[in-house]
């Protein structure tokens, strides 16, 4: 499986975020298998016509999210992201529940706020 990326220059979404989202989605769906080696930062930047810092930022966020892992000079690889993604989502959900309770929202109001955020496009 190879990494396939398409950047949209006409969107307000920054290139690093487009890269992050596409790589994360491909890892999540299995299009990029666990253990797949990713291009180097410089190599991918050159291939996409981006600054190396842009690709590096996307890789840093993906690594922080547990989607990829860097193994020193060996390179960057797709990690077993499912578990990490689920842990991050559970932590975010718990934080949201605490905040909703602090604000005095009912369960229905809290769920409606999430549904509205997803409708507004915050859900990917």
PDB file of N, CA and C in Angstrom:
ATOM      1  N   UNK A   1       0.845  -1.186   0.000  1.00  0.00           N
ATOM      2  CA  UNK A   1       0.000   0.000   0.000  1.00  0.00           C
ATOM      3  C   UNK A   1       0.884   1.239   0.000  1.00  0.00           C
ATOM      4  N   UNK A   2       0.520   2.182  -0.813  1.00  0.00           N
ATOM      5  CA  UNK A   2       1.306   3.406  -0.880  1.00  0.00           C
ATOM      6  C   UNK A   2       0.487   4.583  -0.367  1.00  0.00           C
ATOM      7  N   UNK A   3       1.198   5.569   0.085  1.00  0.00           N
ATOM      8  CA  UNK A   3       0.591   6.787   0.600  1.00  0.00           C
ATOM      9  C   UNK A   3       0.096   7.618  -0.570  1.00  0.00           C
ATOM     10  N   UNK A   4      -1.193   7.941  -0.566  1.00  0.00           N
ATOM     11  CA  UNK A   4      -1.761   8.785  -1.613  1.00  0.00           C
ATOM     12  C   UNK A   4      -2.344  10.019  -0.957  1.00  0.00           C
ATOM     13  N   UNK A   5      -1.808  11.167  -1.359  1.00  0.00           N
ATOM     14  CA  UNK A   5      -2.222  12.429  -0.762  1.00  0.00           C
ATOM     15  C   UNK A   5      -2.605  13.414  -1.850  1.00  0.00           C
ATOM     16  N   UNK A   6      -3.631  14.190  -1.575  1.00  0.00           N
ATOM     17  CA  UNK A   6      -4.057  15.235  -2.499  1.00  0.00           C
ATOM     18  C   UNK A   6      -4.325  16.488  -1.682  1.00  0.00           C
ATOM     19  N   UNK A   7      -3.553  17.533  -1.952  1.00  0.00           N
ATOM     20  CA  UNK A   7      -3.736  18.791  -1.229  1.00  0.00           C
ATOM     21  C   UNK A   7      -4.610  19.732  -2.035  1.00  0.00           C
ATOM     22  N   UNK A   8      -5.508  20.394  -1.353  1.00  0.00           N
ATOM     23  CA  UNK A   8      -6.400  21.371  -1.977  1.00  0.00           C
ATOM     24  C   UNK A   8      -5.895  22.759  -1.619  1.00  0.00           C
ATOM     25  N   UNK A   9      -5.345  23.446  -2.588  1.00  0.00           N
ATOM     26  CA  UNK A   9      -4.799  24.790  -2.362  1.00  0.00           C
ATOM     27  C   UNK A   9      -5.897  25.847  -2.191  1.00  0.00           C
ATOM     28  N   UNK A  10      -7.138  25.496  -2.563  1.00  0.00           N
ATOM     29  CA  UNK A  10      -8.236  26.461  -2.515  1.00  0.00           C
ATOM     30  C   UNK A  10      -9.080  26.362  -1.249  1.00  0.00           C
ATOM     31  N   UNK A  11      -8.581  25.666  -0.238  1.00  0.00           N
ATOM     32  CA  UNK A  11      -9.320  25.529   1.008  1.00  0.00           C
ATOM     33  C   UNK A  11      -8.636  26.344   2.105  1.00  0.00           C
ATOM     34  N   UNK A  12      -9.400  26.666   3.103  1.00  0.00           N
ATOM     35  CA  UNK A  12      -8.838  27.409   4.241  1.00  0.00           C
ATOM     36  C   UNK A  12      -8.062  26.481   5.177  1.00  0.00           C
ATOM     37  N   UNK A  13      -8.207  25.176   4.999  1.00  0.00           N
ATOM     38  CA  UNK A  13      -7.506  24.212   5.852  1.00  0.00           C
ATOM     39  C   UNK A  13      -6.017  24.230   5.508  1.00  0.00           C
ATOM     40  N   UNK A  14      -5.164  24.461   6.493  1.00  0.00           N
ATOM     41  CA  UNK A  14      -3.723  24.526   6.228  1.00  0.00           C
ATOM     42  C   UNK A  14      -3.193  23.201   5.668  1.00  0.00           C
ATOM     43  N   UNK A  15      -2.153  23.263   4.839  1.00  0.00           N
ATOM     44  CA  UNK A  15      -1.594  22.034   4.248  1.00  0.00           C
ATOM     45  C   UNK A  15      -1.175  20.989   5.280  1.00  0.00           C
ATOM     46  N   UNK A  16      -0.576  21.420   6.412  1.00  0.00           N
ATOM     47  CA  UNK A  16      -0.148  20.427   7.404  1.00  0.00           C
ATOM     48  C   UNK A  16      -1.349  19.663   7.943  1.00  0.00           C
ATOM     49  N   UNK A  17      -2.498  20.354   8.125  1.00  0.00           N
ATOM     50  CA  UNK A  17      -3.702  19.713   8.642  1.00  0.00           C
ATOM     51  C   UNK A  17      -4.305  18.782   7.591  1.00  0.00           C
ATOM     52  N   UNK A  18      -4.229  19.163   6.323  1.00  0.00           N
ATOM     53  CA  UNK A  18      -4.700  18.265   5.264  1.00  0.00           C
ATOM     54  C   UNK A  18      -3.868  16.981   5.261  1.00  0.00           C
ATOM     55  N   UNK A  19      -2.549  17.128   5.385  1.00  0.00           N
ATOM     56  CA  UNK A  19      -1.664  15.958   5.444  1.00  0.00           C
ATOM     57  C   UNK A  19      -1.997  15.100   6.660  1.00  0.00           C
ATOM     58  N   UNK A  20      -2.104  15.733   7.814  1.00  0.00           N
ATOM     59  CA  UNK A  20      -2.392  15.011   9.049  1.00  0.00           C
ATOM     60  C   UNK A  20      -3.676  14.208   8.920  1.00  0.00           C
ATOM     61  N   UNK A  21      -4.734  14.867   8.445  1.00  0.00           N
ATOM     62  CA  UNK A  21      -6.039  14.211   8.340  1.00  0.00           C
ATOM     63  C   UNK A  21      -6.009  13.044   7.355  1.00  0.00           C
ATOM     64  N   UNK A  22      -5.350  13.222   6.226  1.00  0.00           N
ATOM     65  CA  UNK A  22      -5.324  12.163   5.213  1.00  0.00           C
ATOM     66  C   UNK A  22      -4.494  10.964   5.668  1.00  0.00           C
ATOM     67  N   UNK A  23      -3.350  11.227   6.282  1.00  0.00           N
ATOM     68  CA  UNK A  23      -2.517  10.120   6.767  1.00  0.00           C
ATOM     69  C   UNK A  23      -3.238   9.394   7.899  1.00  0.00           C
ATOM     70  N   UNK A  24      -3.847  10.134   8.815  1.00  0.00           N
ATOM     71  CA  UNK A  24      -4.572   9.522   9.930  1.00  0.00           C
ATOM     72  C   UNK A  24      -5.718   8.660   9.409  1.00  0.00           C
ATOM     73  N   UNK A  25      -6.453   9.153   8.448  1.00  0.00           N
ATOM     74  CA  UNK A  25      -7.579   8.399   7.885  1.00  0.00           C
ATOM     75  C   UNK A  25      -7.099   7.136   7.188  1.00  0.00           C
ATOM     76  N   UNK A  26      -6.020   7.235   6.431  1.00  0.00           N
ATOM     77  CA  UNK A  26      -5.494   6.061   5.739  1.00  0.00           C
ATOM     78  C   UNK A  26      -4.971   5.022   6.731  1.00  0.00           C
ATOM     79  N   UNK A  27      -4.398   5.473   7.831  1.00  0.00           N
ATOM     80  CA  UNK A  27      -3.933   4.542   8.864  1.00  0.00           C
ATOM     81  C   UNK A  27      -5.128   3.912   9.577  1.00  0.00           C
ATOM     82  N   UNK A  28      -6.129   4.733   9.880  1.00  0.00           N
ATOM     83  CA  UNK A  28      -7.313   4.245  10.597  1.00  0.00           C
ATOM     84  C   UNK A  28      -8.068   3.195   9.798  1.00  0.00           C
ATOM     85  N   UNK A  29      -8.177   3.410   8.494  1.00  0.00           N
ATOM     86  CA  UNK A  29      -8.948   2.488   7.657  1.00  0.00           C
ATOM     87  C   UNK A  29      -8.142   1.277   7.199  1.00  0.00           C
ATOM     88  N   UNK A  30      -6.845   1.283   7.475  1.00  0.00           N
ATOM     89  CA  UNK A  30      -6.010   0.166   7.061  1.00  0.00           C
ATOM     90  C   UNK A  30      -5.431   0.307   5.669  1.00  0.00           C
ATOM     91  N   UNK A  31      -5.745   1.408   4.994  1.00  0.00           N
ATOM     92  CA  UNK A  31      -5.156   1.648   3.668  1.00  0.00           C
ATOM     93  C   UNK A  31      -3.634   1.721   3.801  1.00  0.00           C
ATOM     94  N   UNK A  32      -3.188   2.287   4.913  1.00  0.00           N
ATOM     95  CA  UNK A  32      -1.777   2.236   5.293  1.00  0.00           C
ATOM     96  C   UNK A  32      -1.679   1.224   6.423  1.00  0.00           C
ATOM     97  N   UNK A  33      -1.032   0.128   6.166  1.00  0.00           N
ATOM     98  CA  UNK A  33      -0.941  -0.937   7.156  1.00  0.00           C
ATOM     99  C   UNK A  33      -0.019  -0.547   8.305  1.00  0.00           C
ATOM    100  N   UNK A  34      -0.301  -1.086   9.476  1.00  0.00           N
ATOM    101  CA  UNK A  34       0.584  -0.896  10.615  1.00  0.00           C
ATOM    102  C   UNK A  34       1.971  -1.375  10.204  1.00  0.00           C
ATOM    103  N   UNK A  35       2.975  -0.558  10.501  1.00  0.00           N
ATOM    104  CA  UNK A  35       4.351  -0.897  10.151  1.00  0.00           C
ATOM    105  C   UNK A  35       4.803  -0.356   8.811  1.00  0.00           C
ATOM    106  N   UNK A  36       3.868   0.209   8.030  1.00  0.00           N
ATOM    107  CA  UNK A  36       4.252   0.795   6.739  1.00  0.00           C
ATOM    108  C   UNK A  36       5.205   1.956   6.965  1.00  0.00           C
ATOM    109  N   UNK A  37       6.247   2.010   6.167  1.00  0.00           N
ATOM    110  CA  UNK A  37       7.215   3.102   6.280  1.00  0.00           C
ATOM    111  C   UNK A  37       6.708   4.304   5.489  1.00  0.00           C
ATOM    112  N   UNK A  38       6.766   5.470   6.121  1.00  0.00           N
ATOM    113  CA  UNK A  38       6.358   6.716   5.470  1.00  0.00           C
ATOM    114  C   UNK A  38       7.579   7.381   4.841  1.00  0.00           C
ATOM    115  N   UNK A  39       7.336   8.236   3.851  1.00  0.00           N
ATOM    116  CA  UNK A  39       8.455   8.978   3.254  1.00  0.00           C
ATOM    117  C   UNK A  39       9.125   9.867   4.297  1.00  0.00           C
ATOM    118  N   UNK A  40      10.361  10.226   4.038  1.00  0.00           N
ATOM    119  CA  UNK A  40      11.041  11.174   4.913  1.00  0.00           C
ATOM    120  C   UNK A  40      10.345  12.522   4.816  1.00  0.00           C
ATOM    121  N   UNK A  41      10.564  13.346   5.808  1.00  0.00           N
ATOM    122  CA  UNK A  41       9.976  14.687   5.799  1.00  0.00           C
ATOM    123  C   UNK A  41      10.404  15.428   4.535  1.00  0.00           C
ATOM    124  N   UNK A  42      11.687  15.430   4.267  1.00  0.00           N
ATOM    125  CA  UNK A  42      12.187  16.156   3.085  1.00  0.00           C
ATOM    126  C   UNK A  42      11.666  15.552   1.798  1.00  0.00           C
ATOM    127  N   UNK A  43      11.641  14.221   1.738  1.00  0.00           N
ATOM    128  CA  UNK A  43      11.161  13.556   0.522  1.00  0.00           C
ATOM    129  C   UNK A  43       9.706  13.866   0.237  1.00  0.00           C
ATOM    130  N   UNK A  44       8.862  13.806   1.262  1.00  0.00           N
ATOM    131  CA  UNK A  44       7.443  14.096   1.068  1.00  0.00           C
ATOM    132  C   UNK A  44       7.226  15.568   0.751  1.00  0.00           C
ATOM    133  N   UNK A  45       7.977  16.428   1.414  1.00  0.00           N
ATOM    134  CA  UNK A  45       7.865  17.867   1.136  1.00  0.00           C
ATOM    135  C   UNK A  45       8.205  18.151  -0.317  1.00  0.00           C
ATOM    136  N   UNK A  46       9.270  17.553  -0.809  1.00  0.00           N
ATOM    137  CA  UNK A  46       9.675  17.764  -2.193  1.00  0.00           C
ATOM    138  C   UNK A  46       8.621  17.214  -3.148  1.00  0.00           C
ATOM    139  N   UNK A  47       8.114  16.026  -2.855  1.00  0.00           N
ATOM    140  CA  UNK A  47       7.105  15.398  -3.706  1.00  0.00           C
ATOM    141  C   UNK A  47       5.839  16.243  -3.813  1.00  0.00           C
ATOM    142  N   UNK A  48       5.449  16.884  -2.693  1.00  0.00           N
ATOM    143  CA  UNK A  48       4.210  17.662  -2.655  1.00  0.00           C
ATOM    144  C   UNK A  48       4.422  19.151  -2.916  1.00  0.00           C
ATOM    145  N   UNK A  49       5.671  19.569  -3.044  1.00  0.00           N
ATOM    146  CA  UNK A  49       5.946  20.983  -3.261  1.00  0.00           C
ATOM    147  C   UNK A  49       5.676  21.833  -2.038  1.00  0.00           C
ATOM    148  N   UNK A  50       5.973  21.279  -0.867  1.00  0.00           N
ATOM    149  CA  UNK A  50       5.743  21.983   0.394  1.00  0.00           C
ATOM    150  C   UNK A  50       7.066  22.248   1.097  1.00  0.00           C
ATOM    151  N   UNK A  51       7.015  23.116   2.080  1.00  0.00           N
ATOM    152  CA  UNK A  51       8.178  23.338   2.938  1.00  0.00           C
ATOM    153  C   UNK A  51       8.332  22.130   3.848  1.00  0.00           C
ATOM    154  N   UNK A  52       9.571  21.770   4.138  1.00  0.00           N
ATOM    155  CA  UNK A  52       9.835  20.637   5.021  1.00  0.00           C
ATOM    156  C   UNK A  52       9.190  20.851   6.389  1.00  0.00           C
ATOM    157  N   UNK A  53       9.150  22.079   6.874  1.00  0.00           N
ATOM    158  CA  UNK A  53       8.533  22.365   8.174  1.00  0.00           C
ATOM    159  C   UNK A  53       7.047  22.027   8.197  1.00  0.00           C
ATOM    160  N   UNK A  54       6.380  22.166   7.054  1.00  0.00           N
ATOM    161  CA  UNK A  54       4.953  21.846   6.957  1.00  0.00           C
ATOM    162  C   UNK A  54       4.740  20.353   7.172  1.00  0.00           C
ATOM    163  N   UNK A  55       5.537  19.545   6.491  1.00  0.00           N
ATOM    164  CA  UNK A  55       5.431  18.085   6.642  1.00  0.00           C
ATOM    165  C   UNK A  55       5.857  17.680   8.053  1.00  0.00           C
ATOM    166  N   UNK A  56       6.914  18.295   8.555  1.00  0.00           N
ATOM    167  CA  UNK A  56       7.396  17.977   9.904  1.00  0.00           C
ATOM    168  C   UNK A  56       6.314  18.262  10.941  1.00  0.00           C
ATOM    169  N   UNK A  57       5.571  19.349  10.771  1.00  0.00           N
ATOM    170  CA  UNK A  57       4.504  19.681  11.710  1.00  0.00           C
ATOM    171  C   UNK A  57       3.412  18.610  11.676  1.00  0.00           C
ATOM    172  N   UNK A  58       3.030  18.184  10.482  1.00  0.00           N
ATOM    173  CA  UNK A  58       2.018  17.126  10.355  1.00  0.00           C
ATOM    174  C   UNK A  58       2.507  15.845  11.025  1.00  0.00           C
ATOM    175  N   UNK A  59       3.755  15.473  10.782  1.00  0.00           N
ATOM    176  CA  UNK A  59       4.323  14.267  11.388  1.00  0.00           C
ATOM    177  C   UNK A  59       4.358  14.386  12.909  1.00  0.00           C
ATOM    178  N   UNK A  60       4.718  15.569  13.449  1.00  0.00           N
ATOM    179  CA  UNK A  60       4.765  15.755  14.906  1.00  0.00           C
ATOM    180  C   UNK A  60       3.386  15.535  15.522  1.00  0.00           C
ATOM    181  N   UNK A  61       2.355  16.102  14.889  1.00  0.00           N
ATOM    182  CA  UNK A  61       0.998  15.955  15.418  1.00  0.00           C
ATOM    183  C   UNK A  61       0.558  14.494  15.320  1.00  0.00           C
ATOM    184  N   UNK A  62       0.843  13.851  14.198  1.00  0.00           N
ATOM    185  CA  UNK A  62       0.488  12.437  14.034  1.00  0.00           C
ATOM    186  C   UNK A  62       1.198  11.567  15.068  1.00  0.00           C
ATOM    187  N   UNK A  63       2.440  11.898  15.361  1.00  0.00           N
ATOM    188  CA  UNK A  63       3.179  11.127  16.362  1.00  0.00           C
ATOM    189  C   UNK A  63       2.592  11.362  17.748  1.00  0.00           C
ATOM    190  N   UNK A  64       2.247  12.596  18.056  1.00  0.00           N
ATOM    191  CA  UNK A  64       1.631  12.906  19.352  1.00  0.00           C
ATOM    192  C   UNK A  64       0.292  12.191  19.503  1.00  0.00           C
ATOM    193  N   UNK A  65      -0.413  11.994  18.401  1.00  0.00           N
ATOM    194  CA  UNK A  65      -1.703  11.304  18.413  1.00  0.00           C
ATOM    195  C   UNK A  65      -1.555   9.785  18.409  1.00  0.00           C
ATOM    196  N   UNK A  66      -0.322   9.291  18.276  1.00  0.00           N
ATOM    197  CA  UNK A  66      -0.103   7.852  18.272  1.00  0.00           C
ATOM    198  C   UNK A  66      -0.363   7.179  16.943  1.00  0.00           C
ATOM    199  N   UNK A  67      -0.501   7.963  15.883  1.00  0.00           N
ATOM    200  CA  UNK A  67      -0.782   7.396  14.561  1.00  0.00           C
ATOM    201  C   UNK A  67       0.495   6.891  13.901  1.00  0.00           C
ATOM    202  N   UNK A  68       1.589   7.616  14.100  1.00  0.00           N
ATOM    203  CA  UNK A  68       2.874   7.213  13.533  1.00  0.00           C
ATOM    204  C   UNK A  68       3.916   7.186  14.636  1.00  0.00           C
ATOM    205  N   UNK A  69       5.027   6.530  14.351  1.00  0.00           N
ATOM    206  CA  UNK A  69       6.135   6.518  15.294  1.00  0.00           C
ATOM    207  C   UNK A  69       7.433   6.661  14.519  1.00  0.00           C
ATOM    208  N   UNK A  70       8.337   7.432  15.099  1.00  0.00           N
ATOM    209  CA  UNK A  70       9.647   7.625  14.490  1.00  0.00           C
ATOM    210  C   UNK A  70      10.631   6.718  15.200  1.00  0.00           C
ATOM    211  N   UNK A  71      11.389   5.991  14.406  1.00  0.00           N
ATOM    212  CA  UNK A  71      12.365   5.052  14.957  1.00  0.00           C
ATOM    213  C   UNK A  71      13.769   5.501  14.591  1.00  0.00           C
ATOM    214  N   UNK A  72      14.092   6.708  15.001  1.00  0.00           N
ATOM    215  CA  UNK A  72      15.424   7.250  14.744  1.00  0.00           C
ATOM    216  C   UNK A  72      15.760   7.260  13.269  1.00  0.00           C
ATOM    217  N   UNK A  73      16.964   6.808  12.940  1.00  0.00           N
ATOM    218  CA  UNK A  73      17.416   6.808  11.550  1.00  0.00           C
ATOM    219  C   UNK A  73      16.702   5.777  10.686  1.00  0.00           C
ATOM    220  N   UNK A  74      15.991   4.836  11.321  1.00  0.00           N
ATOM    221  CA  UNK A  74      15.259   3.817  10.556  1.00  0.00           C
ATOM    222  C   UNK A  74      14.085   4.426   9.804  1.00  0.00           C
ATOM    223  N   UNK A  75      13.547   5.534  10.316  1.00  0.00           N
ATOM    224  CA  UNK A  75      12.464   6.218   9.617  1.00  0.00           C
ATOM    225  C   UNK A  75      11.206   6.356  10.440  1.00  0.00           C
ATOM    226  N   UNK A  76      10.133   6.688   9.741  1.00  0.00           N
ATOM    227  CA  UNK A  76       8.833   6.920  10.355  1.00  0.00           C
ATOM    228  C   UNK A  76       7.869   5.869   9.839  1.00  0.00           C
ATOM    229  N   UNK A  77       7.095   5.283  10.756  1.00  0.00           N
ATOM    230  CA  UNK A  77       6.235   4.160  10.420  1.00  0.00           C
ATOM    231  C   UNK A  77       4.836   4.364  10.982  1.00  0.00           C
ATOM    232  N   UNK A  78       3.861   3.704  10.344  1.00  0.00           N
ATOM    233  CA  UNK A  78       2.490   3.727  10.844  1.00  0.00           C
ATOM    234  C   UNK A  78       2.449   2.873  12.107  1.00  0.00           C
ATOM    235  N   UNK A  79       1.931   3.452  13.177  1.00  0.00           N
ATOM    236  CA  UNK A  79       1.819   2.750  14.460  1.00  0.00           C
ATOM    237  C   UNK A  79       0.475   2.035  14.521  1.00  0.00           C
ATOM    238  N   UNK A  80       0.292   1.241  15.537  1.00  0.00           N
ATOM    239  CA  UNK A  80      -1.000   0.607  15.789  1.00  0.00           C
ATOM    240  C   UNK A  80      -1.918   1.690  16.330  1.00  0.00           C
ATOM    241  N   UNK A  81      -2.502   2.469  15.428  1.00  0.00           N
ATOM    242  CA  UNK A  81      -3.198   3.705  15.795  1.00  0.00           C
ATOM    243  C   UNK A  81      -4.571   3.512  16.396  1.00  0.00           C
ATOM    244  N   UNK A  82      -5.216   2.396  16.133  1.00  0.00           N
ATOM    245  CA  UNK A  82      -6.580   2.222  16.612  1.00  0.00           C
ATOM    246  C   UNK A  82      -6.700   2.413  18.100  1.00  0.00           C
ATOM    247  N   UNK A  83      -5.847   1.729  18.855  1.00  0.00           N
ATOM    248  CA  UNK A  83      -5.907   1.838  20.305  1.00  0.00           C
ATOM    249  C   UNK A  83      -5.609   3.249  20.778  1.00  0.00           C
ATOM    250  N   UNK A  84      -4.597   3.879  20.183  1.00  0.00           N
ATOM    251  CA  UNK A  84      -4.240   5.239  20.583  1.00  0.00           C
ATOM    252  C   UNK A  84      -5.370   6.208  20.266  1.00  0.00           C
ATOM    253  N   UNK A  85      -5.978   6.059  19.097  1.00  0.00           N
ATOM    254  CA  UNK A  85      -7.080   6.948  18.717  1.00  0.00           C
ATOM    255  C   UNK A  85      -8.253   6.777  19.673  1.00  0.00           C
ATOM    256  N   UNK A  86      -8.547   5.540  20.028  1.00  0.00           N
ATOM    257  CA  UNK A  86      -9.648   5.295  20.956  1.00  0.00           C
ATOM    258  C   UNK A  86      -9.354   5.879  22.339  1.00  0.00           C
ATOM    259  N   UNK A  87      -8.115   5.766  22.795  1.00  0.00           N
ATOM    260  CA  UNK A  87      -7.742   6.339  24.090  1.00  0.00           C
ATOM    261  C   UNK A  87      -7.879   7.862  24.064  1.00  0.00           C
ATOM    262  N   UNK A  88      -7.407   8.493  22.981  1.00  0.00           N
ATOM    263  CA  UNK A  88      -7.513   9.952  22.868  1.00  0.00           C
ATOM    264  C   UNK A  88      -8.979  10.379  22.832  1.00  0.00           C
ATOM    265  N   UNK A  89      -9.793   9.645  22.079  1.00  0.00           N
ATOM    266  CA  UNK A  89     -11.220   9.983  21.983  1.00  0.00           C
ATOM    267  C   UNK A  89     -11.898   9.829  23.341  1.00  0.00           C
ATOM    268  N   UNK A  90     -11.571   8.770  24.057  1.00  0.00           N
ATOM    269  CA  UNK A  90     -12.171   8.557  25.374  1.00  0.00           C
ATOM    270  C   UNK A  90     -11.768   9.669  26.346  1.00  0.00           C
ATOM    271  N   UNK A  91     -10.514  10.086  26.288  1.00  0.00           N
ATOM    272  CA  UNK A  91     -10.051  11.167  27.159  1.00  0.00           C
ATOM    273  C   UNK A  91     -10.747  12.481  26.806  1.00  0.00           C
ATOM    274  N   UNK A  92     -10.884  12.744  25.508  1.00  0.00           N
ATOM    275  CA  UNK A  92     -11.570  13.971  25.080  1.00  0.00           C
ATOM    276  C   UNK A  92     -13.037  13.938  25.493  1.00  0.00           C
ATOM    277  N   UNK A  93     -13.660  12.778  25.360  1.00  0.00           N
ATOM    278  CA  UNK A  93     -15.066  12.650  25.754  1.00  0.00           C
ATOM    279  C   UNK A  93     -15.234  12.880  27.256  1.00  0.00           C
ATOM    280  N   UNK A  94     -14.325  12.322  28.045  1.00  0.00           N
ATOM    281  CA  UNK A  94     -14.404  12.508  29.497  1.00  0.00           C
ATOM    282  C   UNK A  94     -14.238  13.978  29.866  1.00  0.00           C
ATOM    283  N   UNK A  95     -13.318  14.653  29.195  1.00  0.00           N
ATOM    284  CA  UNK A  95     -13.117  16.087  29.437  1.00  0.00           C
ATOM    285  C   UNK A  95     -14.381  16.863  29.076  1.00  0.00           C
ATOM    286  N   UNK A  96     -14.990  16.496  27.945  1.00  0.00           N
ATOM    287  CA  UNK A  96     -16.222  17.174  27.519  1.00  0.00           C
ATOM    288  C   UNK A  96     -17.343  16.954  28.534  1.00  0.00           C
ATOM    289  N   UNK A  97     -17.486  15.731  29.017  1.00  0.00           N
ATOM    290  CA  UNK A  97     -18.539  15.429  29.986  1.00  0.00           C
ATOM    291  C   UNK A  97     -18.342  16.260  31.254  1.00  0.00           C
ATOM    292  N   UNK A  98     -17.106  16.342  31.733  1.00  0.00           N
ATOM    293  CA  UNK A  98     -16.841  17.158  32.932  1.00  0.00           C
ATOM    294  C   UNK A  98     -17.224  18.620  32.684  1.00  0.00           C
ATOM    295  N   UNK A  99     -16.873  19.143  31.533  1.00  0.00           N
ATOM    296  CA  UNK A  99     -17.183  20.547  31.208  1.00  0.00           C
ATOM    297  C   UNK A  99     -18.691  20.757  31.064  1.00  0.00           C
ATOM    298  N   UNK A 100     -19.367  19.817  30.413  1.00  0.00           N
ATOM    299  CA  UNK A 100     -20.823  19.930  30.248  1.00  0.00           C
ATOM    300  C   UNK A 100     -21.515  19.913  31.613  1.00  0.00           C
ATOM    301  N   UNK A 101     -21.047  19.052  32.497  1.00  0.00           N
ATOM    302  CA  UNK A 101     -21.622  19.009  33.852  1.00  0.00           C
ATOM    303  C   UNK A 101     -21.356  20.309  34.596  1.00  0.00           C
ATOM    304  N   UNK A 102     -20.132  20.826  34.466  1.00  0.00           N
ATOM    305  CA  UNK A 102     -19.778  22.087  35.121  1.00  0.00           C
ATOM    306  C   UNK A 102     -20.691  23.214  34.652  1.00  0.00           C
ATOM    307  N   UNK A 103     -21.056  23.164  33.372  1.00  0.00           N
ATOM    308  CA  UNK A 103     -21.937  24.193  32.802  1.00  0.00           C
ATOM    309  C   UNK A 103     -23.407  23.946  33.112  1.00  0.00           C
ATOM    310  N   UNK A 104     -23.697  22.791  33.685  1.00  0.00           N
ATOM    311  CA  UNK A 104     -25.079  22.488  34.046  1.00  0.00           C
ATOM    312  C   UNK A 104     -25.920  21.977  32.889  1.00  0.00           C
ATOM    313  N   UNK A 105     -25.286  21.477  31.843  1.00  0.00           N
ATOM    314  CA  UNK A 105     -26.040  20.952  30.705  1.00  0.00           C
ATOM    315  C   UNK A 105     -26.642  19.597  31.033  1.00  0.00           C
ATOM    316  N   UNK A 106     -27.837  19.372  30.531  1.00  0.00           N
ATOM    317  CA  UNK A 106     -28.432  18.044  30.659  1.00  0.00           C
ATOM    318  C   UNK A 106     -27.747  17.114  29.658  1.00  0.00           C
ATOM    319  N   UNK A 107     -27.997  15.824  29.809  1.00  0.00           N
ATOM    320  CA  UNK A 107     -27.436  14.844  28.877  1.00  0.00           C
ATOM    321  C   UNK A 107     -27.873  15.168  27.444  1.00  0.00           C
ATOM    322  N   UNK A 108     -29.162  15.480  27.270  1.00  0.00           N
ATOM    323  CA  UNK A 108     -29.690  15.790  25.933  1.00  0.00           C
ATOM    324  C   UNK A 108     -29.033  17.044  25.361  1.00  0.00           C
ATOM    325  N   UNK A 109     -28.828  18.053  26.193  1.00  0.00           N
ATOM    326  CA  UNK A 109     -28.187  19.280  25.724  1.00  0.00           C
ATOM    327  C   UNK A 109     -26.725  19.027  25.335  1.00  0.00           C
ATOM    328  N   UNK A 110     -26.030  18.228  26.125  1.00  0.00           N
ATOM    329  CA  UNK A 110     -24.633  17.902  25.823  1.00  0.00           C
ATOM    330  C   UNK A 110     -24.541  17.117  24.519  1.00  0.00           C
ATOM    331  N   UNK A 111     -25.427  16.142  24.333  1.00  0.00           N
ATOM    332  CA  UNK A 111     -25.435  15.359  23.097  1.00  0.00           C
ATOM    333  C   UNK A 111     -25.804  16.226  21.896  1.00  0.00           C
ATOM    334  N   UNK A 112     -26.715  17.151  22.090  1.00  0.00           N
ATOM    335  CA  UNK A 112     -27.104  18.053  21.004  1.00  0.00           C
ATOM    336  C   UNK A 112     -25.932  18.944  20.605  1.00  0.00           C
ATOM    337  N   UNK A 113     -25.137  19.375  21.577  1.00  0.00           N
ATOM    338  CA  UNK A 113     -23.972  20.205  21.269  1.00  0.00           C
ATOM    339  C   UNK A 113     -22.960  19.424  20.437  1.00  0.00           C
ATOM    340  N   UNK A 114     -22.759  18.148  20.765  1.00  0.00           N
ATOM    341  CA  UNK A 114     -21.839  17.310  19.990  1.00  0.00           C
ATOM    342  C   UNK A 114     -22.390  17.112  18.581  1.00  0.00           C
ATOM    343  N   UNK A 115     -23.671  16.803  18.471  1.00  0.00           N
ATOM    344  CA  UNK A 115     -24.288  16.591  17.154  1.00  0.00           C
ATOM    345  C   UNK A 115     -24.163  17.842  16.297  1.00  0.00           C
ATOM    346  N   UNK A 116     -24.358  19.008  16.900  1.00  0.00           N
ATOM    347  CA  UNK A 116     -24.247  20.257  16.153  1.00  0.00           C
ATOM    348  C   UNK A 116     -22.811  20.503  15.702  1.00  0.00           C
ATOM    349  N   UNK A 117     -21.853  20.214  16.562  1.00  0.00           N
ATOM    350  CA  UNK A 117     -20.444  20.384  16.186  1.00  0.00           C
ATOM    351  C   UNK A 117     -20.095  19.461  15.028  1.00  0.00           C
ATOM    352  N   UNK A 118     -20.575  18.240  15.053  1.00  0.00           N
ATOM    353  CA  UNK A 118     -20.314  17.309  13.954  1.00  0.00           C
ATOM    354  C   UNK A 118     -20.960  17.813  12.660  1.00  0.00           C
ATOM    355  N   UNK A 119     -22.199  18.324  12.769  1.00  0.00           N
ATOM    356  CA  UNK A 119     -22.887  18.888  11.597  1.00  0.00           C
ATOM    357  C   UNK A 119     -22.139  20.090  11.039  1.00  0.00           C
ATOM    358  N   UNK A 120     -21.530  20.878  11.919  1.00  0.00           N
ATOM    359  CA  UNK A 120     -20.834  22.087  11.499  1.00  0.00           C
ATOM    360  C   UNK A 120     -19.478  21.779  10.865  1.00  0.00           C
ATOM    361  N   UNK A 121     -19.088  20.522  10.896  1.00  0.00           N
ATOM    362  CA  UNK A 121     -17.860  20.153  10.233  1.00  0.00           C
ATOM    363  C   UNK A 121     -16.676  19.907  11.131  1.00  0.00           C
ATOM    364  N   UNK A 122     -16.870  20.008  12.451  1.00  0.00           N
ATOM    365  CA  UNK A 122     -15.760  19.781  13.348  1.00  0.00           C
ATOM    366  C   UNK A 122     -15.450  18.301  13.494  1.00  0.00           C
ATOM    367  N   UNK A 123     -16.312  17.473  12.976  1.00  0.00           N
ATOM    368  CA  UNK A 123     -16.113  16.039  13.122  1.00  0.00           C
ATOM    369  C   UNK A 123     -15.367  15.420  11.972  1.00  0.00           C
ATOM    370  N   UNK A 124     -14.809  16.205  11.089  1.00  0.00           N
ATOM    371  CA  UNK A 124     -14.029  15.632   9.998  1.00  0.00           C
ATOM    372  C   UNK A 124     -14.878  15.551   8.801  1.00  0.00           C
TER     373      UNK A 124
END
